[in-house]
Protein backbone atom coordinates (compact mmCIF):
# COMPACT_ATOMS: atom_id res chain seq x y z
CA MET A 1 140.57 51.10 113.14
CA THR A 2 138.56 48.06 112.08
CA ILE A 3 135.01 48.47 110.90
CA PHE A 4 133.67 46.90 114.07
CA LYS A 5 135.55 49.35 116.29
CA GLU A 6 134.12 52.12 114.12
CA LEU A 7 130.62 50.80 114.65
CA TYR A 8 131.20 50.45 118.37
CA ASN A 9 132.61 53.95 118.83
CA LYS A 10 129.93 55.88 116.89
CA ASP A 11 126.88 56.23 119.10
CA LYS A 12 124.40 56.24 116.28
CA TYR A 13 125.74 52.94 114.98
CA PHE A 14 126.07 51.24 118.37
CA LEU A 15 122.76 49.43 117.94
CA LEU A 16 124.21 46.87 115.51
CA PRO A 17 122.95 43.52 116.91
CA PHE A 18 125.78 41.34 118.15
CA GLN A 19 123.79 38.29 117.05
CA TYR A 20 123.95 39.69 113.52
CA ILE A 21 127.73 40.15 113.72
CA TYR A 22 128.15 36.63 115.07
CA LYS A 23 125.84 35.16 112.43
CA TYR A 24 127.99 36.53 109.62
CA MET A 25 131.38 36.25 111.35
CA ARG A 26 132.01 32.79 109.92
CA LYS A 27 131.05 34.01 106.47
CA ILE A 28 133.29 37.05 106.81
CA LEU A 29 136.24 34.90 107.87
CA ASP A 30 135.61 32.69 104.88
CA ILE A 31 135.77 35.76 102.66
CA PHE A 32 139.21 36.72 103.88
CA GLU A 33 140.41 33.12 103.52
CA GLN A 34 139.28 33.23 99.89
CA GLU A 35 140.67 36.65 99.01
CA GLU A 36 143.70 35.15 97.28
CA ASP A 37 141.42 33.19 94.96
CA ASP A 38 140.91 35.32 91.85
CA ASP A 39 137.85 33.32 90.89
CA VAL A 40 135.86 34.42 93.95
CA GLU A 41 133.49 37.35 93.14
CA LEU A 42 132.90 39.41 96.23
CA THR A 43 129.51 40.76 97.21
CA ASP A 44 129.21 44.46 98.07
CA TYR A 45 129.15 43.52 101.73
CA GLN A 46 132.38 41.55 101.33
CA LYS A 47 133.99 44.35 99.31
CA ILE A 48 133.35 46.80 102.13
CA LEU A 49 134.92 44.52 104.73
CA ALA A 50 137.90 43.87 102.48
CA LEU A 51 138.38 47.57 101.78
CA ASN A 52 138.16 48.36 105.46
CA LYS A 53 140.90 45.79 106.16
CA LYS A 54 142.92 47.22 103.26
CA LYS A 55 142.90 43.77 101.70
CA ILE A 56 141.94 45.20 98.33
CA SER A 57 142.51 48.50 96.54
CA PRO A 58 139.60 50.90 95.94
CA TYR A 59 140.82 51.22 92.35
CA ASP A 60 139.89 47.56 91.82
CA VAL A 61 136.37 47.91 93.26
CA GLU A 62 133.11 49.02 91.69
CA PHE A 63 129.61 49.10 93.13
CA TYR A 64 126.56 48.57 90.92
CA ASP A 65 122.85 48.80 91.52
CA SER A 66 120.52 45.96 90.50
CA GLU A 67 120.21 47.46 87.01
CA GLY A 68 123.97 47.40 86.43
CA GLU A 69 124.55 51.15 86.86
CA ASP A 70 127.70 52.18 88.71
CA PHE A 71 127.19 55.99 88.52
CA SER A 72 130.91 56.40 87.90
CA ASN A 73 130.33 60.05 86.92
CA ILE A 74 129.25 60.73 90.51
CA ILE A 75 130.65 57.99 92.76
CA GLU A 76 134.31 57.50 93.67
CA VAL A 77 135.36 54.48 95.71
CA ARG A 78 137.96 55.24 98.36
CA GLN A 79 139.62 53.12 101.00
CA ASP A 80 137.33 54.42 103.76
CA GLY A 81 134.04 54.93 101.90
CA LEU A 82 132.20 56.32 98.89
CA ILE A 83 132.50 59.94 97.74
CA PHE A 84 129.63 61.50 95.77
CA THR A 85 130.46 64.63 93.76
CA PHE A 86 127.79 66.91 92.26
CA ASP A 87 127.72 70.03 90.11
CA GLY A 88 124.98 71.48 92.31
CA LEU A 89 121.58 70.96 93.87
CA GLU A 90 119.95 69.88 90.61
CA GLU A 91 122.27 66.89 90.17
CA PHE A 92 122.16 66.15 93.91
CA LEU A 93 118.36 65.87 93.88
CA ARG A 94 118.13 63.81 90.71
CA PHE A 95 120.69 61.31 92.01
CA PHE A 96 119.59 60.78 95.60
CA PHE A 97 115.84 61.14 94.93
CA PRO A 98 115.26 59.49 91.56
CA GLU A 99 111.56 58.84 92.16
CA GLU A 100 110.86 62.51 92.90
CA PHE A 101 113.34 64.25 90.58
CA GLY A 102 115.08 61.69 88.38
CA ASP A 103 112.68 60.85 85.55
CA GLU A 104 113.53 63.05 82.60
CA GLY A 105 110.59 65.03 81.23
CA THR A 106 108.54 64.90 84.44
CA ASP A 107 107.51 67.86 86.58
CA GLY A 108 109.89 66.69 89.30
CA TYR A 109 112.82 66.56 86.88
CA TYR A 110 112.33 70.20 85.97
CA GLU A 111 111.59 71.16 89.56
CA ALA A 112 115.12 70.10 90.53
CA GLY A 113 116.38 72.76 88.14
CA TYR A 114 113.96 75.32 89.51
CA LEU A 115 115.18 74.70 93.06
CA GLU A 116 118.80 75.12 92.02
CA SER A 117 117.94 78.43 90.34
CA MET A 118 116.36 79.56 93.61
CA VAL A 119 119.47 78.60 95.58
CA ARG A 120 121.70 80.48 93.12
CA GLY A 121 119.44 83.52 93.36
CA ASP A 122 118.54 83.78 89.67
CA TRP A 123 114.98 82.42 89.83
CA GLU A 124 112.38 84.73 88.27
CA TRP A 125 109.59 85.18 90.80
CA ASP A 126 106.09 86.00 89.54
CA TYR A 127 105.59 89.27 91.42
CA TRP A 128 105.68 91.35 88.23
CA ASP A 129 103.03 89.11 86.65
CA ARG A 130 100.55 89.88 89.39
CA SER A 131 101.77 93.35 90.36
CA ASN A 132 98.77 95.17 88.89
CA ASP A 133 96.39 92.84 90.70
CA ASP A 134 98.29 93.43 93.95
CA TRP A 135 97.89 97.15 93.38
CA ASP A 136 94.18 97.00 92.46
CA GLU A 137 93.39 94.82 95.48
CA GLY A 138 95.11 97.23 97.86
CA TYR A 139 98.04 95.04 98.93
CA VAL A 140 100.66 97.65 98.03
CA ILE A 141 99.04 100.43 100.06
CA ASP A 142 98.31 98.00 102.88
CA SER A 143 102.05 97.20 103.08
CA LEU A 144 102.95 100.80 103.93
CA ARG A 145 104.12 101.18 107.51
CA GLY A 146 105.25 103.85 109.95
CA GLU A 147 106.43 107.10 108.46
CA SER A 148 105.31 106.12 104.95
CA ARG A 149 101.71 105.92 106.15
CA ASN A 150 102.03 109.23 107.93
CA VAL A 151 103.24 110.93 104.74
CA LEU A 152 100.39 109.32 102.81
CA TYR A 153 97.99 110.69 105.41
CA GLN A 154 99.43 114.18 104.87
CA ILE A 155 98.89 113.77 101.12
CA LEU A 156 95.26 112.78 101.62
CA GLN A 157 94.65 115.63 104.04
CA LYS A 158 95.89 118.02 101.38
CA THR A 159 94.16 116.45 98.37
CA SER A 160 91.08 114.57 99.60
CA PRO A 161 89.65 115.75 102.92
CA SER A 162 86.67 113.40 102.60
CA LEU A 163 88.96 110.38 102.28
CA SER A 164 91.43 111.46 104.95
CA LYS A 165 88.57 111.79 107.46
CA LYS A 166 87.83 108.07 107.03
CA LEU A 167 91.28 107.13 108.27
CA LYS A 168 91.86 106.51 111.94
CA VAL A 169 94.91 107.69 113.85
CA ASP A 170 95.64 105.89 117.12
CA ILE A 171 96.98 107.51 120.28
CA GLU A 172 100.53 106.74 119.16
CA GLY A 173 100.03 108.63 115.92
CA ASN A 174 99.85 105.56 113.67
CA VAL A 175 97.45 105.72 110.71
CA ARG A 176 95.04 102.77 110.57
CA PHE A 177 93.57 101.39 107.34
CA ASN A 178 91.12 98.61 106.57
CA ASP A 179 90.49 96.58 103.40
CA THR A 180 87.88 99.02 102.08
CA LEU A 181 90.03 102.06 102.70
CA ASN A 182 93.04 100.34 101.14
CA THR A 183 91.26 100.09 97.79
CA GLU A 184 89.81 103.61 98.04
CA VAL A 185 93.22 105.10 98.78
CA THR A 186 94.76 102.96 96.03
CA ASP A 187 92.30 104.26 93.44
CA PHE A 188 92.80 107.84 94.58
CA ILE A 189 96.61 107.69 94.43
CA GLU A 190 96.41 106.20 90.93
CA ILE A 191 94.36 109.19 89.74
CA LEU A 192 96.50 111.68 91.61
CA SER A 193 99.81 110.42 90.18
CA GLN A 194 100.33 107.53 87.76
CA LYS A 195 104.08 107.91 88.30
CA THR A 196 103.66 107.36 92.04
CA LYS A 197 101.58 104.26 91.40
CA ASP A 198 104.25 102.83 89.07
CA GLU A 199 107.06 103.60 91.50
CA LEU A 200 105.23 102.06 94.47
CA ILE A 201 104.48 98.92 92.45
CA GLU A 202 108.13 98.66 91.42
CA ALA A 203 109.31 99.08 95.02
CA PHE A 204 106.75 96.49 96.20
CA VAL A 205 107.90 93.95 93.61
CA TYR A 206 111.59 94.45 94.37
CA ALA A 207 110.95 94.25 98.11
CA ASN A 208 109.21 90.89 97.68
CA GLU A 209 112.01 89.58 95.49
CA ILE A 210 114.64 90.68 98.01
CA ALA A 211 112.71 89.01 100.83
CA ASN A 212 112.68 85.74 98.87
CA ARG A 213 116.32 85.94 97.81
CA GLU A 214 117.29 86.38 101.46
CA ALA A 215 115.21 83.47 102.78
CA VAL A 216 114.72 80.87 100.03
CA PRO A 217 118.31 79.52 99.69
CA LYS A 218 118.51 78.85 103.43
CA TYR A 219 115.03 77.28 103.37
CA ILE A 220 116.09 74.82 100.66
CA GLU A 221 119.46 74.12 102.29
CA ASP A 222 117.75 73.44 105.62
CA HIS A 223 115.74 70.72 103.89
CA TYR A 224 118.44 69.03 101.81
CA CYS A 225 121.99 70.10 102.68
CA ASP A 226 122.35 67.81 105.71
CA GLY A 227 119.10 65.95 105.14
CA LEU A 228 120.73 62.55 104.57
CA LYS A 229 122.94 62.64 107.65
CA ASP A 230 120.77 60.20 109.61
CA ILE A 231 121.16 57.70 106.79
CA GLY A 232 124.94 58.07 107.01
CA ILE A 233 125.54 60.34 104.02
CA GLU A 234 127.34 63.47 105.21
CA ARG A 235 128.87 66.56 103.68
CA TYR A 236 132.53 66.10 102.85
CA SER A 237 133.10 69.81 103.45
CA ASN A 238 131.28 71.82 106.11
CA LYS A 239 131.63 74.92 103.93
CA TYR A 240 129.64 73.81 100.88
CA CYS A 241 126.25 72.23 100.27
CA PHE A 242 125.46 70.03 97.27
CA TRP A 243 129.09 69.47 96.27
CA LYS A 244 130.81 66.44 97.86
CA TYR A 245 129.19 63.90 100.18
CA GLU A 246 130.63 60.85 101.90
CA LEU A 247 129.24 57.46 102.90
CA SER A 248 131.85 55.82 105.11
CA TRP A 249 131.93 52.06 105.57
CA GLY A 250 130.43 52.05 109.08
CA PRO A 251 127.12 53.61 107.99
CA ALA A 252 127.30 51.53 104.80
CA ILE A 253 127.34 48.30 106.83
CA MET A 254 124.34 49.58 108.78
CA LEU A 255 122.38 49.80 105.53
CA PHE A 256 122.72 46.02 105.20
CA VAL A 257 121.62 45.57 108.80
CA ARG A 258 118.60 47.86 108.64
CA HIS A 259 117.37 47.43 105.09
CA GLY A 260 118.61 44.15 103.63
CA SER A 261 121.08 41.29 103.82
CA PRO A 262 124.77 40.78 102.97
CA ASP A 263 123.78 39.52 99.55
CA ASP A 264 122.13 42.81 98.49
CA ASN A 265 123.64 45.65 96.47
CA LEU A 266 124.91 48.58 98.50
CA LEU A 267 123.48 51.21 96.13
CA ASP A 268 120.05 49.57 96.11
CA LEU A 269 120.00 49.62 99.90
CA MET A 270 121.14 53.26 99.97
CA PHE A 271 118.33 54.37 97.67
CA GLU A 272 115.86 52.23 99.63
CA ALA A 273 116.93 53.84 102.92
CA ILE A 274 116.54 57.33 101.46
CA ARG A 275 113.12 56.49 100.07
CA LYS A 276 111.90 55.13 103.40
CA GLU A 277 113.54 57.49 105.86
CA PHE A 278 113.75 60.92 104.21
CA LYS A 279 110.51 62.86 104.82
CA ASN A 280 111.67 66.47 104.64
CA HIS A 281 111.07 67.59 101.07
CA THR A 282 110.30 71.24 100.39
CA THR A 283 106.80 72.34 99.49
CA GLU A 284 105.88 72.70 95.80
CA TYR A 285 108.30 75.06 94.10
CA TYR A 286 105.60 77.63 93.32
CA GLU A 287 104.66 77.83 97.01
CA ILE A 288 108.19 78.32 98.33
CA GLN A 289 108.01 82.09 97.91
CA HIS A 290 105.29 82.12 100.58
CA GLU A 291 107.04 79.60 102.85
CA ALA A 292 110.41 81.34 102.82
CA PHE A 293 110.04 85.10 103.19
CA ASP A 294 112.28 87.50 105.09
CA ASN A 295 109.82 90.03 106.50
CA ASP A 296 112.58 92.23 107.88
CA ALA A 297 114.24 92.48 104.47
CA PHE A 298 110.88 93.33 102.88
CA LYS A 299 110.05 96.02 105.45
CA ASP A 300 113.50 97.55 105.29
CA TYR A 301 113.55 97.94 101.50
CA PHE A 302 109.89 98.82 100.93
CA GLY A 303 109.83 101.14 103.93
CA LYS A 304 112.74 103.24 102.68
CA LYS A 305 111.64 103.28 99.03
CA SER A 306 107.97 104.00 99.68
CA LEU A 307 108.82 106.82 102.08
CA SER A 308 111.02 108.47 99.46
CA ILE A 309 108.35 108.02 96.75
CA LEU A 310 105.56 109.52 98.86
CA GLN A 311 107.73 112.39 100.08
CA ASN A 312 108.46 113.25 96.44
CA LEU A 313 104.74 113.19 95.65
CA LEU A 314 103.99 115.48 98.58
CA SER A 315 106.69 117.92 97.40
CA GLU A 316 105.30 117.89 93.85
CA LEU A 317 101.78 118.59 95.09
CA GLU A 318 103.04 121.49 97.21
CA GLU A 319 104.85 122.93 94.19
CA GLU A 320 101.72 122.69 92.03
CA ASP A 321 99.73 124.41 94.76
CA GLU A 322 102.25 127.26 94.87
CA GLU A 323 102.40 127.70 91.08
CA ASN A 324 98.65 127.81 90.42
CA PRO A 325 96.72 127.54 93.67
CA SER A 326 93.31 128.36 92.19
CA GLN A 327 93.44 125.76 89.40
CA PHE A 328 95.02 123.17 91.65
CA LYS A 329 92.25 123.53 94.24
CA LYS A 330 89.59 123.18 91.52
CA TYR A 331 91.28 120.04 90.25
CA LEU A 332 91.48 118.52 93.72
CA LYS A 333 87.83 119.36 94.34
CA VAL A 334 86.73 117.51 91.21
CA VAL A 335 88.91 114.53 92.08
CA ASP A 336 87.63 114.48 95.65
CA ILE A 337 83.98 114.62 94.56
CA ILE A 338 84.45 111.74 92.12
CA ASN A 339 86.33 109.69 94.66
CA ASN A 340 83.69 110.31 97.33
CA LYS A 341 80.50 110.08 95.22
CA ILE A 342 81.34 107.74 92.34
CA GLY A 343 84.76 106.18 92.71
CA PHE A 344 87.58 105.76 90.22
CA ASN A 345 88.20 102.67 88.09
CA LYS A 346 84.89 101.04 89.00
CA TRP A 347 82.17 100.16 86.51
CA LYS A 348 78.86 101.79 87.52
CA LYS A 349 75.52 100.87 85.97
CA LEU A 350 73.58 103.58 84.18
CA PRO A 351 69.78 103.37 84.56
CA THR A 352 68.04 103.37 81.14
CA PRO A 353 64.52 104.34 79.93
CA ASP A 354 62.35 101.55 78.59
CA ASP A 355 61.95 100.88 74.86
CA SER A 356 58.67 102.84 74.64
CA GLY A 357 60.60 106.09 74.96
CA LYS A 358 58.75 107.16 78.08
CA ASP A 359 60.70 108.93 80.81
CA ALA A 360 60.41 105.95 83.07
CA PHE A 361 63.00 103.40 84.05
CA VAL A 362 62.80 99.80 82.97
CA THR A 363 60.91 97.55 85.35
CA LYS A 364 63.02 95.94 88.04
CA ARG A 365 61.67 92.56 87.00
CA LEU A 366 63.89 92.48 83.93
CA PRO A 367 67.46 91.07 84.13
CA ASP A 368 70.26 93.52 84.88
CA ALA A 369 71.62 93.32 81.33
CA TYR A 370 68.32 94.80 80.08
CA ARG A 371 67.57 97.13 82.95
CA TYR A 372 71.07 98.63 82.82
CA PRO A 373 72.55 98.08 79.36
CA TYR A 374 75.10 100.90 79.90
CA GLU A 375 77.98 100.90 82.37
CA ILE A 376 80.39 103.79 83.01
CA LEU A 377 83.89 104.00 84.53
CA ILE A 378 85.83 107.13 85.53
CA ASP A 379 89.61 106.83 85.21
CA ASP A 380 91.14 110.31 84.92
CA VAL A 381 90.70 114.08 85.39
CA ASP A 382 92.66 116.50 83.23
CA LYS A 383 94.48 118.98 85.48
CA ASP A 384 94.25 121.82 82.95
CA THR A 385 90.71 121.49 81.54
CA LEU A 386 89.16 119.59 84.50
CA LEU A 387 87.40 117.36 81.96
CA VAL A 388 86.64 113.92 83.30
CA ARG A 389 87.69 110.96 81.20
CA TYR A 390 85.19 108.14 81.22
CA LYS A 391 84.60 104.82 79.51
CA VAL A 392 81.11 103.61 78.70
CA LYS A 393 80.02 100.23 77.41
CA ASN A 394 76.80 98.56 76.41
CA THR A 395 76.50 95.19 78.10
CA LYS A 396 74.41 93.79 75.25
CA ASN A 397 76.04 94.47 71.93
CA TRP A 398 79.09 96.76 71.61
CA GLY A 399 82.48 97.50 73.10
CA VAL A 400 83.96 100.32 75.15
CA LYS A 401 83.71 103.99 74.11
CA VAL A 402 85.92 106.69 75.62
CA GLY A 403 85.10 110.36 76.18
CA ARG A 404 85.93 113.50 78.18
CA VAL A 405 83.16 115.67 79.63
CA PRO A 406 82.70 118.10 82.54
CA LEU A 407 81.87 116.64 85.91
CA GLU A 408 78.28 117.92 85.66
CA THR A 409 77.70 115.79 82.57
CA ILE A 410 78.90 112.70 84.39
CA PHE A 411 76.23 113.24 87.04
CA ASP A 412 73.65 113.82 84.30
CA MET A 413 74.58 110.48 82.78
CA LEU A 414 74.26 108.81 86.16
CA ASN A 415 70.99 110.47 87.16
CA SER A 416 69.12 111.41 83.96
CA PRO A 417 70.24 109.11 81.13
CA GLN A 418 66.92 109.59 79.29
CA LEU A 419 68.07 113.10 78.32
CA PHE A 420 70.76 111.88 75.90
CA ASP A 421 72.64 108.92 74.50
CA PRO A 422 75.81 108.56 76.62
CA THR A 423 77.70 107.20 73.63
CA ASP A 424 77.43 110.61 71.94
CA PHE A 425 80.03 111.91 74.39
CA ARG A 426 83.23 110.41 73.11
CA SER A 427 86.57 111.77 71.97
């Protein structure tokens, strides 16, 4: 098939102007008349026509860009077109998109490697880095669904009646949270069982990573695998992305028609066409984890793991209740009072007497740092002694002190700080 029949038969190349063909027909005929003359140096346009007519061998032909680069490590000239071979997405991106990914040492250059790591499935997502923040802000608890929430509700009914009463259960039996309750429940679970907190965080992180591993490769392939097809560069194999691609001579001729003249370099026109026509790049690499996320994969993994974790916690609490019901109920009462009246893992300001030593609080006209130089945080209750672990700090001049005291002393510190120096109570 001649190149012109190829152009005529492929719908997307049918728009080649006949005036253009006629204009260069005389020149093309001259080329073939001169092919026996070894002194005639063919242009890229003439090489393509000669190759298509099998007038010359592909082994005798090279294509260069305007800077003299032939990319022989990637490009192979064949009788019916060019074949591009890549080691993977990284090389694919740096070759076809040199402005975005090709300059060594730039952010884009490294991003090409990042994207390939994501496609291979060995990219390290940052979920572990922010896992504690996700826990503290209530995202982990908020992600519980269905039976996991119901088991959590049973745990709260058993351990914190005041907190469980704040939760709403709809007519279908689903437990409803809100942002405030998410953080309250989060803080309570952390005090109740550090192991449960750690296990839920781990399950949450793995669920997010699984959701990305399922969705991200397809997201990137959807953008780039067949992204150059409209330009005429197509996969050589339908099975693999970012391996071999082909630019046959019909689409190659169209590059001269649409982007230049017969005197231009084929590779320059190819890169120019990609630069002008390709508009489907992925978002920034650090945002891809939010763009490509398989919610079903997340729910499936986190749902199963969180249900198992919470069921284990419920069983452990029931065992503790059976072994020492009196002590266990006292412990839960202390925890429930703190959670309801003070809160866990929250800095609370301690009112302070003025410098005159009188049993009067500092005037409200003074800045907070002087009105309330002490702050206190409750972060644990010992199950055996029922002593409350607290941290206290002076906002003006010294660091954090740690102590364990009975619950009554905590309320004394909150309500009557003039009776003692809170920093005396430290372990």
